Amino acid sequence: MLELLYLISYFAGGGALNINIVILTFLVPGLLLIPNTREYLTQITGGASAAYGIIIQFPFYGGIMVGSGLAATIANFFVNISSADTLPFWAFISGGLINMFVPSGGGQWAVQGPIMIEAAEGLNADIAKTAMGVAWGDAWTNMVQPFWTLPLLAIAGLGIRAIMGYTAVVLIVSGVVIGAGLLIL
């Protein structure tokens, strides 16, 4: 109920939409319509059996990473150890790390992109390569958290363990290839 009052107050005060407000706007009606949190999780589990963990878990992780400034701190750490030649590589590594907690490519770019572009301009690094480093980092760690496969696994009746070994190998090999490419090219 407090969340609903917060949303009413927020919008009545002229608050604008942002990712956290959108998440809260979808979460609140579900919590209000279901009698308790245990039943809420049961309903979500039944309705989205293959993806309920993501639906519940990752908006909160993203909110923590973005709202606390942790994602920006991680990005800035890698900027501080970069040179013009190594910034795209470190953008790739930080992009992969941040993707573990901010699973949305757009959300990740909103946090990390401006920091990396400003760093590229300041270091006189290749802006396009730096932006691609962030994008490749985001895609790269999707191998270790392959949520893109959940619908396919559900259709095939398989669990994530059935493919995790393969995706881990792809993560390692592609990490070496992409990282080397960003340093060499």
Protein backbone atom coordinates (compact mmCIF):
# COMPACT_ATOMS: atom_id res chain seq x y z
CA MET A 1 0.00 0.00 0.00
CA LEU A 2 2.86 2.39 0.76
CA GLU A 3 4.24 1.77 -2.73
CA LEU A 4 0.91 2.81 -4.27
CA LEU A 5 0.84 5.97 -2.16
CA TYR A 6 4.39 6.70 -3.24
CA LEU A 7 3.47 6.30 -6.92
CA ILE A 8 0.41 8.55 -6.56
CA SER A 9 2.51 11.19 -4.78
CA TYR A 10 5.30 10.84 -7.33
CA PHE A 11 3.08 11.34 -10.36
CA ALA A 12 0.96 14.02 -8.66
CA GLY A 13 4.17 15.93 -7.99
CA GLY A 14 5.06 15.86 -11.69
CA GLY A 15 7.49 12.96 -11.51
CA ALA A 16 8.77 11.66 -14.83
CA LEU A 17 9.03 8.07 -15.99
CA ASN A 18 12.32 6.32 -15.46
CA ILE A 19 13.22 2.64 -15.32
CA ASN A 20 12.69 2.36 -11.57
CA ILE A 21 9.24 3.96 -11.72
CA VAL A 22 8.19 1.69 -14.60
CA ILE A 23 9.30 -1.38 -12.62
CA LEU A 24 7.49 -0.16 -9.50
CA THR A 25 4.37 0.65 -11.53
CA PHE A 26 4.19 -2.96 -12.71
CA LEU A 27 5.18 -4.48 -9.37
CA VAL A 28 2.67 -2.59 -7.18
CA PRO A 29 -0.57 -3.78 -8.81
CA GLY A 30 0.64 -7.37 -8.61
CA LEU A 31 1.45 -7.02 -4.94
CA LEU A 32 -1.88 -5.33 -4.23
CA LEU A 33 -3.96 -7.91 -6.09
CA ILE A 34 -2.33 -10.93 -4.46
CA PRO A 35 -2.86 -11.44 -0.70
CA ASN A 36 0.76 -12.09 0.32
CA THR A 37 4.26 -12.31 -1.11
CA ARG A 38 4.38 -16.12 -0.98
CA GLU A 39 1.25 -16.29 -3.14
CA TYR A 40 2.69 -13.57 -5.41
CA LEU A 41 5.77 -15.70 -6.05
CA THR A 42 3.59 -18.78 -6.58
CA GLN A 43 1.52 -16.91 -9.17
CA ILE A 44 4.58 -15.62 -10.99
CA THR A 45 6.18 -19.07 -10.90
CA GLY A 46 3.08 -20.58 -12.46
CA GLY A 47 2.63 -17.86 -15.03
CA ALA A 48 6.23 -17.53 -16.12
CA SER A 49 7.84 -20.73 -14.94
CA ALA A 50 11.00 -20.43 -17.00
CA ALA A 51 11.63 -16.76 -16.34
CA TYR A 52 10.17 -15.89 -12.94
CA GLY A 53 13.58 -15.57 -11.29
CA ILE A 54 14.62 -12.97 -13.80
CA ILE A 55 11.33 -11.12 -13.60
CA ILE A 56 11.63 -10.73 -9.84
CA GLN A 57 15.38 -10.60 -9.33
CA PHE A 58 17.00 -8.48 -11.98
CA PRO A 59 14.98 -5.27 -11.74
CA PHE A 60 16.12 -5.07 -8.13
CA TYR A 61 19.74 -5.81 -9.05
CA GLY A 62 19.63 -3.16 -11.74
CA GLY A 63 18.06 -0.67 -9.32
CA ILE A 64 20.78 -1.35 -6.75
CA MET A 65 23.57 -1.03 -9.31
CA VAL A 66 22.22 2.13 -10.90
CA GLY A 67 20.56 3.80 -7.90
CA SER A 68 23.55 3.29 -5.63
CA GLY A 69 26.04 4.49 -8.21
CA LEU A 70 27.87 1.15 -8.10
CA ALA A 71 27.73 0.69 -11.88
CA ALA A 72 29.24 4.15 -12.40
CA THR A 73 31.92 3.38 -9.80
CA ILE A 74 32.86 0.17 -11.63
CA ALA A 75 32.98 1.96 -14.98
CA ASN A 76 35.07 4.79 -13.53
CA PHE A 77 37.52 2.31 -11.99
CA PHE A 78 38.25 0.87 -15.43
CA VAL A 79 38.47 4.34 -16.97
CA ASN A 80 41.09 5.30 -14.37
CA ILE A 81 43.38 2.39 -15.31
CA SER A 82 42.98 2.98 -19.06
CA SER A 83 45.05 4.64 -21.70
CA ALA A 84 43.87 5.68 -25.15
CA ASP A 85 44.94 2.27 -26.50
CA THR A 86 43.46 0.15 -23.68
CA LEU A 87 40.16 1.97 -23.07
CA PRO A 88 38.15 -0.16 -25.56
CA PHE A 89 39.46 -3.34 -23.87
CA TRP A 90 38.63 -2.08 -20.37
CA ALA A 91 35.24 -0.88 -21.62
CA PHE A 92 34.67 -4.49 -22.77
CA ILE A 93 35.70 -5.94 -19.39
CA SER A 94 33.63 -3.42 -17.40
CA GLY A 95 30.70 -3.90 -19.79
CA GLY A 96 30.79 -7.62 -19.08
CA LEU A 97 30.99 -7.11 -15.35
CA ILE A 98 28.20 -4.54 -15.20
CA ASN A 99 26.02 -6.74 -17.45
CA MET A 100 26.01 -9.34 -14.70
CA PHE A 101 23.92 -6.95 -12.61
CA VAL A 102 22.25 -4.67 -15.16
CA PRO A 103 21.01 -7.23 -17.68
CA SER A 104 19.40 -4.70 -20.00
CA GLY A 105 21.72 -3.48 -22.75
CA GLY A 106 19.88 -0.15 -22.88
CA GLY A 107 19.96 0.26 -19.12
CA GLN A 108 23.62 -0.61 -19.05
CA TRP A 109 24.43 1.87 -21.81
CA ALA A 110 22.48 4.60 -19.99
CA VAL A 111 24.79 4.14 -17.00
CA GLN A 112 28.08 3.23 -18.60
CA GLY A 113 27.90 4.85 -22.03
CA PRO A 114 28.29 8.50 -21.04
CA ILE A 115 31.22 7.66 -18.74
CA MET A 116 33.03 5.72 -21.46
CA ILE A 117 32.37 8.28 -24.21
CA GLU A 118 33.60 11.12 -21.99
CA ALA A 119 36.69 9.04 -21.14
CA ALA A 120 37.31 8.30 -24.82
CA GLU A 121 37.13 11.99 -25.63
CA GLY A 122 39.42 12.88 -22.70
CA LEU A 123 41.99 10.20 -23.56
CA ASN A 124 41.68 10.82 -27.30
CA ALA A 125 40.71 7.16 -27.71
CA ASP A 126 38.64 5.73 -30.54
CA ILE A 127 35.03 6.51 -29.54
CA ALA A 128 33.48 3.90 -31.83
CA LYS A 129 35.81 1.18 -30.55
CA THR A 130 35.09 2.17 -26.96
CA ALA A 131 31.32 2.06 -27.56
CA MET A 132 31.72 -1.33 -29.22
CA GLY A 133 33.77 -2.50 -26.23
CA VAL A 134 30.81 -1.76 -23.96
CA ALA A 135 28.38 -3.46 -26.36
CA TRP A 136 30.59 -6.53 -26.80
CA GLY A 137 31.07 -6.75 -23.03
CA ASP A 138 27.31 -6.72 -22.57
CA ALA A 139 26.83 -9.48 -25.15
CA TRP A 140 29.86 -11.46 -23.96
CA THR A 141 28.65 -12.20 -20.44
CA ASN A 142 25.24 -13.22 -21.75
CA MET A 143 26.99 -16.56 -22.23
CA VAL A 144 27.37 -17.08 -18.49
CA GLN A 145 23.80 -15.95 -17.78
CA PRO A 146 22.07 -17.13 -20.94
CA PHE A 147 18.57 -15.83 -20.29
CA TRP A 148 18.04 -15.61 -24.02
CA THR A 149 17.81 -19.43 -24.04
CA LEU A 150 15.10 -19.76 -21.38
CA PRO A 151 12.16 -19.91 -23.81
CA LEU A 152 13.98 -22.49 -25.95
CA LEU A 153 14.90 -24.56 -22.92
CA ALA A 154 11.31 -24.46 -21.68
CA ILE A 155 10.03 -25.65 -25.07
CA ALA A 156 12.65 -28.43 -25.16
CA GLY A 157 11.95 -29.39 -21.55
CA LEU A 158 15.57 -28.86 -20.53
CA GLY A 159 17.16 -27.05 -17.61
CA ILE A 160 19.90 -24.44 -17.77
CA ARG A 161 22.44 -27.04 -16.64
CA ALA A 162 22.02 -28.84 -19.96
CA ILE A 163 23.78 -26.02 -21.81
CA MET A 164 25.82 -24.15 -19.18
CA GLY A 165 29.03 -26.05 -19.94
CA TYR A 166 28.82 -25.13 -23.59
CA THR A 167 28.06 -21.48 -22.94
CA ALA A 168 30.96 -21.30 -20.44
CA VAL A 169 33.36 -22.51 -23.15
CA VAL A 170 31.97 -19.92 -25.56
CA LEU A 171 32.38 -17.25 -22.85
CA ILE A 172 36.06 -18.06 -22.35
CA VAL A 173 36.99 -18.43 -26.02
CA SER A 174 35.04 -15.38 -27.18
CA GLY A 175 36.40 -13.31 -24.27
CA VAL A 176 39.96 -14.02 -25.34
CA VAL A 177 39.23 -13.38 -29.02
CA ILE A 178 37.23 -10.18 -28.49
CA GLY A 179 39.61 -8.85 -25.83
CA ALA A 180 42.64 -9.49 -28.04
CA GLY A 181 40.88 -7.91 -30.99
CA LEU A 182 40.13 -4.75 -29.02
CA LEU A 183 43.77 -4.48 -27.93
CA ILE A 184 45.32 -5.30 -31.31
CA LEU A 185 43.03 -3.61 -33.84
